[in-house]
Protein backbone atom coordinates (compact mmCIF):
# COMPACT_ATOMS: atom_id res chain seq x y z
CA MET A 1 94.66 -108.72 -87.34
CA ALA A 2 95.91 -108.88 -83.98
CA GLU A 3 96.83 -105.22 -84.67
CA VAL A 4 93.10 -103.92 -84.74
CA GLU A 5 92.41 -105.41 -81.12
CA VAL A 6 95.42 -104.41 -80.01
CA TYR A 7 95.32 -100.42 -80.69
CA SER A 8 92.10 -100.63 -79.51
CA TRP A 9 93.23 -101.57 -76.06
CA LEU A 10 95.99 -99.20 -76.36
CA PHE A 11 93.10 -96.45 -76.89
CA VAL A 12 91.52 -97.76 -73.64
CA HIS A 13 94.40 -98.10 -71.39
CA LYS A 14 96.57 -95.17 -72.65
CA GLU A 15 95.40 -92.65 -75.47
CA TRP A 16 92.25 -91.73 -73.85
CA ASN A 17 93.41 -90.08 -70.56
CA LYS A 18 95.73 -88.14 -72.76
CA LEU A 19 92.98 -86.45 -74.81
CA LYS A 20 91.03 -83.26 -74.37
CA LYS A 21 87.64 -84.13 -73.80
CA MET A 22 85.13 -82.87 -75.87
CA PRO A 23 81.37 -81.06 -74.34
CA THR A 24 79.37 -83.90 -75.28
CA PRO A 25 77.91 -86.98 -73.65
CA ASP A 26 80.19 -89.36 -74.42
CA LYS A 27 83.44 -86.71 -74.03
CA GLY A 28 84.23 -86.97 -77.15
CA PHE A 29 84.77 -91.29 -77.08
CA GLU A 30 83.25 -92.64 -80.13
CA GLU A 31 84.73 -89.64 -82.52
CA SER A 32 88.57 -89.98 -80.73
CA PHE A 33 88.36 -93.48 -81.18
CA ARG A 34 87.53 -93.25 -84.75
CA GLU A 35 90.04 -90.91 -85.75
CA TYR A 36 92.93 -93.36 -83.86
CA LEU A 37 92.10 -96.21 -85.59
CA TYR A 38 92.39 -94.18 -89.02
CA ASN A 39 95.39 -92.59 -88.09
CA LYS A 40 96.91 -96.27 -87.38
CA LYS A 41 97.32 -96.63 -91.15
CA ILE A 42 95.74 -99.86 -91.23
CA ASN A 43 94.14 -99.32 -94.62
CA PHE A 44 90.53 -100.54 -94.09
CA ASN A 45 89.05 -100.94 -97.25
CA VAL A 46 85.64 -99.64 -95.68
CA MET A 47 85.38 -97.68 -92.28
CA SER A 48 81.28 -96.72 -91.90
CA ASP A 49 80.13 -93.31 -91.91
CA VAL A 50 78.95 -92.10 -88.12
CA ARG A 51 75.23 -92.91 -87.34
CA ASP A 52 75.16 -96.06 -90.05
CA THR A 53 72.77 -98.21 -90.03
CA GLY A 54 73.58 -100.76 -92.72
CA PHE A 55 76.53 -102.45 -91.41
CA GLY A 56 78.77 -100.09 -93.49
CA LEU A 57 77.77 -102.13 -96.38
CA SER A 58 74.01 -100.61 -97.15
CA TYR A 59 72.60 -103.83 -95.70
CA GLN A 60 69.13 -104.15 -94.31
CA THR A 61 68.35 -106.70 -91.67
CA LEU A 62 66.05 -109.82 -91.26
CA SER A 63 63.37 -107.57 -89.13
CA ASN A 64 63.57 -104.76 -91.38
CA ILE A 65 64.78 -102.51 -88.56
CA PRO A 66 67.41 -100.58 -88.79
CA HIS A 67 70.52 -100.64 -86.21
CA GLU A 68 72.99 -98.34 -85.50
CA LEU A 69 76.40 -99.97 -84.89
CA ASP A 70 79.29 -97.27 -83.92
CA VAL A 71 82.28 -98.13 -86.07
CA ILE A 72 82.35 -100.90 -88.77
CA CYS A 73 85.96 -101.30 -90.31
CA ILE A 74 86.49 -103.98 -93.59
CA LYS A 75 90.18 -105.21 -94.19
CA ASP A 76 89.84 -107.60 -97.12
CA ARG A 77 88.04 -110.52 -95.81
CA ASP A 78 88.09 -109.15 -91.94
CA LEU A 79 85.08 -107.34 -91.06
CA PHE A 80 85.32 -105.38 -87.80
CA VAL A 81 82.34 -104.56 -85.68
CA PHE A 82 82.78 -102.01 -82.67
CA GLU A 83 80.37 -100.79 -79.97
CA LEU A 84 81.98 -97.76 -78.27
CA LYS A 85 80.63 -97.08 -74.57
CA HIS A 86 82.19 -94.47 -72.66
CA TYR A 87 80.60 -95.53 -69.70
CA GLU A 88 82.80 -94.27 -67.33
CA VAL A 89 80.15 -94.16 -64.40
CA SER A 90 77.12 -96.51 -65.64
CA ASN A 91 77.19 -100.43 -65.75
CA ILE A 92 77.87 -102.24 -68.63
CA THR A 93 75.07 -104.86 -67.91
CA LYS A 94 74.53 -108.18 -70.28
CA GLU A 95 71.56 -106.53 -71.69
CA VAL A 96 73.99 -104.27 -73.10
CA ILE A 97 76.18 -107.04 -74.48
CA PHE A 98 73.13 -109.32 -75.39
CA THR A 99 71.70 -106.08 -77.62
CA PHE A 100 74.92 -105.50 -78.91
CA LEU A 101 74.85 -109.16 -80.23
CA GLY A 102 71.35 -109.00 -81.26
CA LYS A 103 72.07 -106.23 -83.74
CA VAL A 104 74.64 -107.98 -85.41
CA MET A 105 72.83 -111.30 -85.50
CA ASP A 106 70.07 -109.48 -87.21
CA PHE A 107 72.01 -108.15 -89.80
CA TYR A 108 73.84 -111.35 -90.62
CA PHE A 109 71.09 -113.39 -90.61
CA LYS A 110 69.71 -111.21 -93.27
CA ASN A 111 72.97 -111.01 -95.77
CA ALA A 112 74.43 -114.55 -94.19
CA GLU A 113 75.22 -116.03 -97.58
CA VAL A 114 77.40 -112.57 -98.18
CA LEU A 115 78.63 -111.83 -94.60
CA SER A 116 79.76 -115.57 -94.40
CA ASN A 117 82.66 -114.64 -96.99
CA TYR A 118 84.24 -112.59 -94.18
CA LYS A 119 85.42 -113.43 -90.67
CA ILE A 120 83.28 -111.13 -88.43
CA THR A 121 85.00 -109.61 -84.86
CA MET A 122 82.99 -107.79 -82.47
CA PHE A 123 84.67 -105.19 -80.05
CA PHE A 124 82.89 -104.06 -76.89
CA VAL A 125 85.16 -100.91 -75.99
CA THR A 126 84.83 -98.75 -72.49
CA ILE A 127 86.87 -97.28 -70.57
CA ASN A 128 84.87 -98.43 -67.51
CA LYS A 129 87.53 -99.85 -65.10
CA ASN A 130 84.87 -102.00 -62.97
CA VAL A 131 83.28 -104.48 -65.76
CA ASP A 132 81.35 -106.94 -63.16
CA ASP A 133 83.09 -110.44 -63.89
CA SER A 134 79.38 -111.91 -65.36
CA THR A 135 79.99 -109.30 -68.35
CA ARG A 136 83.59 -110.79 -68.91
CA LYS A 137 82.39 -114.08 -69.15
CA LEU A 138 79.49 -113.63 -71.23
CA CYS A 139 81.71 -112.05 -73.93
CA ILE A 140 83.94 -115.15 -73.13
CA THR A 141 81.19 -117.25 -74.36
CA TYR A 142 79.87 -115.43 -77.58
CA GLY A 143 83.34 -114.46 -78.84
CA ILE A 144 83.07 -110.99 -78.24
CA LYS A 145 85.83 -109.13 -77.32
CA LEU A 146 85.51 -106.97 -74.28
CA ILE A 147 88.09 -104.22 -74.67
CA GLU A 148 88.77 -102.51 -71.34
CA PRO A 149 91.51 -100.62 -69.31
CA SER A 150 91.71 -103.32 -66.44
CA LEU A 151 92.04 -106.60 -67.96
CA MET A 152 93.50 -107.73 -71.52
CA THR A 153 92.08 -110.02 -73.76
CA LEU A 154 93.70 -113.45 -74.59
CA GLY A 155 94.86 -112.13 -77.91
CA ILE A 156 96.41 -108.96 -76.45
CA LEU A 157 97.90 -110.81 -74.00
CA ASP A 158 99.47 -112.96 -76.22
CA TYR A 159 100.56 -110.09 -78.30
CA PHE A 160 102.54 -108.66 -75.43
CA VAL A 161 103.56 -111.52 -73.94
CA ARG A 162 105.41 -112.91 -77.24
CA SER A 163 106.75 -109.20 -77.66
CA LEU A 164 108.61 -109.30 -74.33
CA TYR A 165 110.04 -112.99 -74.83
CA GLN A 166 111.74 -111.46 -78.18
CA LYS A 167 113.26 -108.99 -76.08
CA ILE A 168 114.79 -110.43 -73.45
CA PRO A 169 118.46 -112.12 -74.22
CA ASP A 170 119.09 -115.85 -73.89
CA GLY A 171 121.83 -114.97 -71.60
CA ASP A 172 119.06 -114.50 -69.20
CA GLY A 173 118.28 -118.18 -68.90
CA ASP A 174 115.52 -117.66 -65.71
CA LEU A 175 112.92 -115.05 -66.97
CA LYS A 176 113.46 -116.16 -70.91
CA ALA A 177 112.24 -119.44 -69.41
CA LYS A 178 109.42 -118.19 -67.58
CA VAL A 179 108.05 -115.92 -70.27
CA GLU A 180 108.39 -118.56 -72.66
CA LYS A 181 106.09 -120.96 -70.61
CA LEU A 182 103.69 -118.19 -70.39
CA VAL A 183 103.45 -117.80 -73.99
CA GLU A 184 102.56 -121.51 -74.36
CA GLU A 185 99.98 -121.31 -71.62
CA VAL A 186 98.47 -118.13 -73.11
CA SER A 187 98.72 -119.38 -76.63
CA ALA A 188 97.09 -122.61 -75.63
CA GLN A 189 94.19 -120.99 -73.76
CA LYS A 190 93.74 -118.19 -77.12
CA GLU A 191 93.59 -121.29 -79.04
CA HIS A 192 90.40 -122.76 -77.17
CA TYR A 193 88.33 -119.40 -76.20
CA ASP A 194 89.80 -117.01 -78.57
CA ASN A 195 86.66 -117.18 -80.97
CA SER A 196 84.91 -114.60 -83.16
CA PHE A 197 81.50 -114.22 -84.25
CA SER A 198 82.23 -116.19 -87.25
CA ASP A 199 83.79 -118.70 -85.23
CA VAL A 200 80.44 -119.83 -83.43
CA PHE A 201 77.71 -118.36 -86.12
CA ARG A 202 78.54 -120.56 -90.00
CA TYR A 203 76.33 -120.86 -92.77
CA LYS A 204 75.91 -123.70 -94.44
CA ASN A 205 73.82 -125.55 -97.22
CA ARG A 206 71.72 -121.96 -96.58
CA LYS A 207 71.17 -122.32 -93.29
CA ILE A 208 72.92 -120.93 -90.11
CA GLU A 209 74.25 -123.06 -87.83
CA ILE A 210 75.23 -122.34 -83.91
CA GLU A 211 78.79 -124.06 -82.97
CA LEU A 212 79.26 -124.22 -79.45
CA PRO A 213 81.09 -127.39 -77.88
CA LEU A 214 79.01 -126.66 -75.21
CA SER A 215 81.06 -129.65 -72.99
CA GLU A 216 84.10 -127.52 -73.81
CA ILE A 217 83.23 -124.24 -72.64
CA ASN A 218 83.91 -122.99 -69.27
CA PRO A 219 83.73 -119.48 -69.13
CA THR A 220 84.51 -119.14 -65.26
CA GLU A 221 87.61 -121.08 -65.51
CA ALA A 222 88.93 -119.18 -68.53
CA LEU A 223 88.38 -115.67 -67.19
CA ASN A 224 90.17 -116.92 -64.09
CA LYS A 225 93.14 -117.93 -66.30
CA ILE A 226 93.20 -114.79 -67.92
CA LYS A 227 93.47 -113.05 -64.44
CA ASN A 228 96.09 -115.43 -63.79
CA TYR A 229 98.24 -114.51 -67.00
CA CYS A 230 97.76 -110.63 -66.55
CA ASN A 231 99.34 -110.69 -62.97
CA LEU A 232 102.32 -113.08 -64.54
CA PHE A 233 102.59 -110.94 -67.17
CA GLU A 234 102.99 -107.87 -65.07
CA ARG A 235 105.19 -109.36 -62.63
CA VAL A 236 107.64 -110.42 -65.24
CA ARG A 237 107.44 -107.26 -67.23
CA GLU A 238 108.54 -105.73 -64.03
CA THR A 239 111.55 -107.85 -63.53
CA TRP A 240 112.68 -107.33 -67.03
CA ASN A 241 111.85 -103.71 -66.70
CA SER A 242 113.95 -103.41 -63.10
CA LYS A 243 117.19 -105.43 -64.97
CA ARG A 244 117.01 -102.92 -67.51
CA ASN A 245 117.11 -100.09 -65.29
């Protein structure tokens, strides 16, 4: 469900700046995001309650330690886990990412027989505009979607590049060819690196396996390509907008 990823990015990239802030430590970030996602009429089967400590399904963890996860949404066999960090000023450290991953793992290891029936996708959502590259590479490696205002994920980029391609008339051959090439390159990179929690952690024969093709993972190269693709997209989009005007 690409729209969940796209809506999440649009919230931090555009919508958050339009909203009236609340007198709370996170300025109402979590509550506003939850309401925004609900109002998109995706018709989730389940949306967890505030302060839920049962993975949205009243589950326990392997460690028997309850963990609060900000939002859990389920649509058919897609299960989305959101960690919402306002962090307008605070740094997003690798420890914060590993804590998020550890909480999801603790639930999964206890309930793998059932949760393995879902495609679990983790979203770390923040309005921080200065995320360090080390944090980005960590998320790429472990299949965590880092939703930040300053950089699109491969999934989001793929969505907008394809949308732009559809808008360009065939008569504008040069621009359409450039965007078509970008579509192909983003798609190839997405096939290789756009993983989810369920792609990495698999339940087979009553055992949990970690599937990381170590020889094929190069998060530094992947991040550099994502940055390059985002820059290329901005340039072709500006060209398209200038032609329309």
